[in-house]
Protein backbone atom coordinates (compact mmCIF):
# COMPACT_ATOMS: atom_id res chain seq x y z
CA MET A 1 48.06 59.48 -9.20
CA LEU A 2 47.75 60.58 -5.55
CA GLN A 3 47.63 58.61 -2.30
CA PHE A 4 44.32 60.17 -1.28
CA GLY A 5 41.06 58.08 -0.48
CA VAL A 6 39.28 59.68 -3.47
CA LEU A 7 40.73 56.89 -5.48
CA ASN A 8 38.70 54.36 -3.39
CA GLY A 9 35.53 53.31 -4.85
CA SER A 10 33.97 53.82 -1.43
CA GLY A 11 34.23 57.43 -1.63
CA HIS A 12 36.33 58.23 1.48
CA SER A 13 38.59 60.94 0.86
CA LEU A 14 40.60 63.71 2.81
CA LEU A 15 38.93 67.00 3.19
CA SER A 16 39.85 69.42 0.45
CA ASN A 17 40.03 72.48 2.13
CA GLY A 18 42.70 72.27 4.69
CA SER A 19 43.32 69.16 6.74
CA ALA A 20 42.14 65.62 7.62
CA ASN A 21 42.87 64.07 10.93
CA GLY A 22 45.37 66.79 11.90
CA THR A 23 47.48 66.36 8.86
CA SER A 24 48.81 69.68 7.33
CA TRP A 25 47.77 70.73 3.86
CA PHE A 26 51.78 70.88 3.07
CA HIS A 27 52.27 67.61 4.19
CA THR A 28 49.09 66.39 2.29
CA ILE A 29 50.56 67.65 -0.99
CA ARG A 30 54.05 66.06 -0.09
CA ILE A 31 52.41 62.81 0.29
CA GLY A 32 50.67 63.14 -3.06
CA VAL A 33 53.85 64.10 -4.75
CA ASP A 34 55.73 61.22 -3.15
CA SER A 35 53.06 58.81 -4.39
CA SER A 36 53.08 60.34 -7.88
CA GLU A 37 56.68 59.78 -8.16
CA ALA A 38 56.49 56.15 -6.96
CA ILE A 39 53.90 55.35 -9.54
CA ALA A 40 55.85 57.11 -12.43
CA SER A 41 58.93 54.84 -11.70
CA THR A 42 56.47 51.73 -11.85
CA CYS A 43 54.38 52.87 -14.92
CA GLU A 44 56.05 55.54 -16.80
CA SER A 45 53.87 55.46 -20.04
CA CYS A 46 50.38 54.32 -18.43
CA GLY A 47 49.00 57.68 -18.80
CA GLU A 48 50.16 58.29 -22.50
CA VAL A 49 48.95 54.82 -23.50
CA ALA A 50 45.47 55.67 -21.80
CA ALA A 51 45.24 58.83 -23.47
CA ILE A 52 45.86 57.07 -26.77
CA LEU A 53 43.12 54.65 -26.20
CA TYR A 54 40.88 57.33 -25.13
CA ILE A 55 41.33 59.17 -28.40
CA VAL A 56 40.63 55.98 -30.55
CA GLN A 57 37.79 54.85 -28.61
CA GLY A 58 36.20 58.38 -28.62
CA LEU A 59 36.63 58.61 -32.27
CA LEU A 60 34.83 54.92 -32.84
CA LEU A 61 31.93 55.99 -30.36
CA MET A 62 31.42 59.29 -32.41
CA ALA A 63 31.46 57.42 -35.80
CA ALA A 64 29.22 54.61 -34.92
CA ASN A 65 26.67 56.80 -32.88
CA PHE A 66 26.38 59.81 -35.01
CA ILE A 67 25.78 57.50 -38.14
CA ILE A 68 22.78 56.00 -36.47
CA LEU A 69 21.49 59.53 -35.19
CA ILE A 70 21.71 61.00 -38.54
CA ALA A 71 19.98 58.06 -40.06
CA VAL A 72 17.14 58.42 -37.88
CA LEU A 73 16.76 62.14 -37.95
CA ARG A 74 17.29 62.28 -41.89
CA TYR A 75 14.64 59.95 -42.82
CA PRO A 76 10.75 60.78 -41.81
CA ARG A 77 9.71 57.32 -41.81
CA LEU A 78 12.04 56.52 -39.00
CA ARG A 79 11.94 59.85 -37.51
CA HIS A 80 8.24 59.51 -36.71
CA ARG A 81 8.55 56.14 -35.39
CA LYS A 82 8.90 56.00 -31.59
CA GLU A 83 11.23 52.87 -31.42
CA TYR A 84 13.77 54.55 -33.55
CA LEU A 85 13.47 57.93 -31.82
CA MET A 86 14.45 55.93 -28.49
CA VAL A 87 17.35 54.56 -30.60
CA ALA A 88 18.19 57.92 -31.63
CA GLY A 89 18.17 59.16 -28.04
CA LEU A 90 20.62 56.47 -26.93
CA ALA A 91 22.81 57.07 -30.00
CA LEU A 92 22.80 60.95 -29.03
CA VAL A 93 24.02 59.95 -25.37
CA ASP A 94 26.62 57.56 -26.45
CA GLY A 95 27.92 59.93 -29.26
CA MET A 96 28.42 62.74 -26.91
CA GLY A 97 30.19 60.42 -24.68
CA GLY A 98 32.33 59.65 -27.37
CA VAL A 99 32.97 63.25 -27.59
CA ALA A 100 33.99 63.51 -24.07
CA THR A 101 36.16 60.48 -24.32
CA PHE A 102 38.11 61.94 -27.33
CA THR A 103 38.47 65.39 -25.78
CA ALA A 104 39.83 63.70 -22.58
CA GLY A 105 42.19 61.77 -24.59
CA VAL A 106 43.58 64.83 -26.39
CA GLY A 107 43.69 66.98 -23.17
CA ARG A 108 45.41 64.21 -20.97
CA LEU A 109 47.99 63.50 -23.79
CA GLN A 110 48.93 67.06 -23.90
CA ILE A 111 49.26 67.08 -20.12
CA VAL A 112 51.38 64.06 -20.12
CA LEU A 113 53.92 65.29 -22.82
CA SER A 114 54.01 68.54 -21.14
CA THR A 115 55.29 66.72 -17.97
CA GLU A 116 52.65 68.37 -15.85
CA GLU A 117 51.11 65.36 -15.03
CA ASN A 118 51.95 65.24 -11.25
CA VAL A 119 50.81 68.82 -10.81
CA LEU A 120 48.17 69.06 -8.12
CA VAL A 121 44.82 70.97 -8.80
CA SER A 122 41.43 71.14 -7.22
CA ARG A 123 38.29 69.28 -7.97
CA VAL A 124 36.98 72.34 -9.26
CA HIS A 125 39.63 72.71 -11.76
CA CYS A 126 39.01 69.12 -12.93
CA LEU A 127 35.39 69.68 -13.11
CA LEU A 128 35.72 72.53 -15.48
CA ARG A 129 37.70 70.70 -18.00
CA PRO A 130 35.86 70.24 -21.34
CA TRP A 131 35.64 66.42 -21.16
CA ASN A 132 34.30 66.30 -17.47
CA LEU A 133 31.72 68.90 -18.23
CA LEU A 134 30.32 66.37 -20.81
CA PHE A 135 31.13 63.18 -18.66
CA VAL A 136 29.01 64.46 -15.89
CA TRP A 137 25.88 64.55 -18.22
CA THR A 138 26.55 61.52 -20.52
CA ASP A 139 28.08 58.82 -18.40
CA PRO A 140 25.21 58.52 -16.27
CA LEU A 141 22.91 58.96 -19.04
CA ALA A 142 24.35 56.20 -21.14
CA HIS A 143 22.96 53.70 -18.45
CA ILE A 144 19.66 55.54 -17.42
CA VAL A 145 18.47 55.82 -21.13
CA PRO A 146 18.84 52.16 -21.66
CA LEU A 147 16.68 51.55 -18.66
CA VAL A 148 13.95 53.81 -20.17
CA ILE A 149 13.95 51.80 -23.34
CA SER A 150 13.69 48.63 -21.62
CA PHE A 151 10.71 50.07 -19.72
CA ASP A 152 9.50 51.08 -23.26
CA ARG A 153 9.82 47.56 -24.63
CA LEU A 154 7.96 46.36 -21.65
CA LEU A 155 5.15 48.59 -22.44
CA ALA A 156 5.20 47.58 -26.13
CA VAL A 157 5.14 43.80 -25.52
CA ALA A 158 2.74 43.77 -22.56
CA SER A 159 0.01 46.37 -23.72
CA SER A 160 0.33 46.32 -27.46
CA LEU A 161 -2.92 47.96 -28.31
CA ARG A 162 -2.06 51.03 -25.97
CA TYR A 163 1.41 51.25 -27.41
CA VAL A 164 0.40 51.33 -30.98
CA LYS A 165 -1.58 54.39 -30.17
CA LEU A 166 1.05 56.26 -28.85
CA THR A 167 2.93 58.58 -31.44
CA TYR A 168 6.43 59.95 -31.73
CA ARG A 169 5.72 62.73 -29.34
CA TYR A 170 5.66 60.09 -26.50
CA ALA A 171 9.12 59.21 -27.17
CA VAL A 172 10.25 62.91 -27.09
CA ALA A 173 8.41 63.65 -24.00
CA VAL A 174 9.91 60.73 -22.29
CA LEU A 175 13.59 61.29 -23.30
CA GLY A 176 13.07 65.08 -22.92
CA GLY A 177 11.78 64.36 -19.35
CA VAL A 178 14.75 62.21 -18.43
CA LEU A 179 17.30 65.00 -19.63
CA VAL A 180 15.56 67.56 -17.51
CA LEU A 181 15.52 65.19 -14.38
CA TRP A 182 19.26 64.15 -14.55
CA GLY A 183 20.01 67.97 -15.18
CA PHE A 184 18.64 68.80 -11.65
CA ASN A 185 21.03 65.88 -10.32
CA VAL A 186 23.90 67.42 -12.29
CA ILE A 187 23.47 70.90 -10.69
CA ALA A 188 23.35 69.20 -7.46
CA GLY A 189 26.63 67.50 -7.96
CA VAL A 190 28.16 70.63 -9.43
CA GLU A 191 27.01 72.70 -6.09
CA LEU A 192 28.42 69.90 -3.90
CA THR A 193 31.93 70.16 -5.68
CA LEU A 194 32.21 74.03 -5.64
CA PRO A 195 33.76 74.14 -1.99
CA TYR A 196 36.55 71.85 -3.11
CA THR A 197 39.08 74.66 -4.25
CA GLN A 198 42.26 73.34 -2.70
CA PRO A 199 44.69 71.34 -4.82
CA GLU A 200 44.46 67.75 -3.81
CA VAL A 201 44.08 65.63 -7.21
CA GLY A 202 46.08 64.99 -10.22
CA SER A 203 45.98 67.34 -13.13
CA LEU A 204 44.74 64.63 -15.51
CA CYS A 205 41.54 65.04 -13.90
CA TYR A 206 39.69 61.64 -14.05
CA MET A 207 36.00 61.63 -13.22
CA ALA A 208 36.76 60.13 -9.86
CA TRP A 209 38.90 63.41 -9.23
CA SER A 210 36.34 65.80 -10.54
CA LEU A 211 33.26 65.57 -8.30
CA GLN A 212 32.46 65.57 -4.65
CA PRO A 213 33.34 61.87 -3.57
CA ASN A 214 30.17 60.90 -2.17
CA TYR A 215 28.36 62.36 -5.26
CA TYR A 216 30.75 60.52 -7.55
CA LEU A 217 30.04 57.23 -5.87
CA TYR A 218 26.30 58.28 -6.15
CA GLN A 219 26.73 58.42 -9.87
CA GLY A 220 28.09 55.10 -10.14
CA TRP A 221 25.66 53.24 -8.13
CA ILE A 222 22.92 55.00 -10.11
CA ALA A 223 24.50 53.73 -13.55
CA ALA A 224 25.04 50.29 -11.93
CA ILE A 225 21.42 49.96 -10.71
CA ALA A 226 19.87 51.30 -13.77
CA ASP A 227 21.83 48.56 -15.87
CA MET A 228 20.69 45.88 -13.22
CA LEU A 229 17.08 46.86 -13.48
CA SER A 230 17.31 47.35 -17.54
CA VAL A 231 18.64 43.57 -17.76
CA THR A 232 16.07 42.38 -15.31
CA THR A 233 13.34 44.22 -17.25
CA TYR A 234 14.48 42.81 -20.64
CA VAL A 235 14.33 39.21 -18.96
CA ILE A 236 10.62 39.73 -18.25
CA VAL A 237 10.24 41.27 -21.82
CA LEU A 238 11.91 38.55 -23.63
CA CYS A 239 9.66 35.95 -21.82
CA ILE A 240 6.70 37.97 -22.76
CA VAL A 241 7.91 38.05 -26.38
CA ARG A 242 8.44 34.36 -26.51
CA ARG A 243 4.91 33.57 -24.94
CA MET A 244 3.29 36.04 -27.89
CA ASP A 245 5.06 33.81 -30.46
CA SER A 246 3.67 30.62 -28.93
CA VAL A 247 0.29 31.74 -28.01
CA TYR A 248 -0.53 33.90 -30.92
CA PRO A 249 1.01 31.90 -33.88
CA ALA A 250 -2.00 32.75 -36.01
CA GLY A 251 -3.52 36.06 -37.40
CA SER A 252 -3.15 38.20 -40.37
CA SER A 253 0.02 38.97 -42.23
CA ALA A 254 -0.16 42.39 -40.79
CA GLU A 255 -0.37 41.30 -37.19
CA GLN A 256 2.27 38.54 -37.70
CA GLU A 257 4.72 41.08 -39.30
CA ASN A 258 4.00 43.44 -36.34
CA VAL A 259 4.83 40.74 -33.82
CA ARG A 260 8.13 39.80 -35.94
CA ARG A 261 9.01 43.65 -35.72
CA THR A 262 8.34 43.84 -32.20
CA ARG A 263 10.40 40.81 -31.53
CA ARG A 264 13.38 42.04 -33.62
CA ILE A 265 13.52 45.46 -32.23
CA THR A 266 13.17 44.16 -28.58
CA ILE A 267 16.17 41.50 -29.10
CA THR A 268 18.37 44.44 -30.58
CA LEU A 269 17.79 46.59 -27.94
CA GLY A 270 18.13 43.98 -25.10
CA LEU A 271 21.66 43.04 -26.54
CA ALA A 272 22.75 46.75 -25.78
CA SER A 273 21.62 46.20 -22.07
CA LEU A 274 23.21 42.91 -21.70
CA ILE A 275 26.57 43.96 -23.07
CA THR A 276 26.31 47.08 -21.08
CA ALA A 277 25.80 45.00 -17.84
CA MET A 278 28.87 42.71 -18.84
CA PHE A 279 31.43 45.42 -19.62
CA TYR A 280 30.11 48.09 -17.12
CA THR A 281 28.22 46.95 -14.45
CA ILE A 282 30.01 43.71 -13.34
CA PRO A 283 33.44 45.50 -13.68
CA LEU A 284 32.28 48.68 -11.63
CA MET A 285 31.09 46.38 -8.88
CA GLY A 286 34.05 44.47 -8.74
CA LYS A 287 36.37 47.61 -8.77
CA ASN A 288 34.26 49.13 -5.92
CA ILE A 289 34.38 45.77 -3.85
CA VAL A 290 38.23 45.18 -4.51
CA SER A 291 39.17 48.69 -3.85
CA TYR A 292 39.13 48.03 -0.14
CA ASP A 293 41.91 45.39 -0.60
CA ILE A 294 44.38 47.05 -2.85
CA SER A 295 46.64 50.11 -2.51
CA ASP A 296 45.95 53.59 -3.57
CA GLU A 297 48.90 53.11 -5.97
CA THR A 298 47.57 50.07 -7.58
CA GLN A 299 44.21 51.95 -8.17
CA SER A 300 45.76 54.91 -9.62
CA MET A 301 47.38 52.86 -12.21
CA ILE A 302 44.55 50.95 -13.16
CA LEU A 303 41.83 53.95 -13.09
CA PRO A 304 42.09 54.99 -16.52
CA PHE A 305 41.76 51.57 -17.97
CA THR A 306 38.78 50.74 -15.91
CA PHE A 307 36.96 53.71 -17.43
CA LEU A 308 38.06 52.46 -20.95
CA ILE A 309 36.15 49.20 -20.42
């Protein structure tokens, strides 16, 4: 809830270690406090409402995704199927995102109730909050993993014979590789944020306040691009599936069942990509565009609710 450029989706912000454009550090804090007081008088319960919604949404995410994860890992028939391991990988990422969301709700509710909401802290302080240590991993992966699944489905329908020969180890290797590669990105983001040790952001510590501004913008666009590529890939996949149904209507019962199974799994996973694009990519791009035309105070008020979407 600060009048800083970090709230702007463009990633512009004041320098964190002293001054920007000749503005003193003390004056910078005074601006932030004045802005926070103005917002508090306009929306006294926004922080509390957002925190409670985070708790509820986090619990729902954990329940829904961990049930899927346990089901896949419990039964060997599912655990040894590469398609369901991909689903388990997505459920793991989304479930841990639920843990992060729940933890963020509990932590921020305590901050709001303790009247420390307007205290200024550093970005490094925010980055080390438990929920942000989880969010920095899970939030981008929640959009990168569906893209991986889209490519997996493309391989399944475009090169069925080659895909059939792949074992569950293929899915383990692909998902493990994605986790390792994104790990390097996370390390880079942490290193970029470490110099930001001066108090400049609110103690509620939203993700936008917890990373170096340009890196946070980079993360957001990585997620949006991954979603757009995922949906585009799925359009191609569904066209191929439709062609398979029309060109190869005959065949043995086993072959027909394999086509039906592939079609069911592909459509089910495709819905996840479509809904993610509708409720994440489009709102994110819209927020980044309109952020140039609305005040920092307004952005501060809507920031927690845009994350909830």
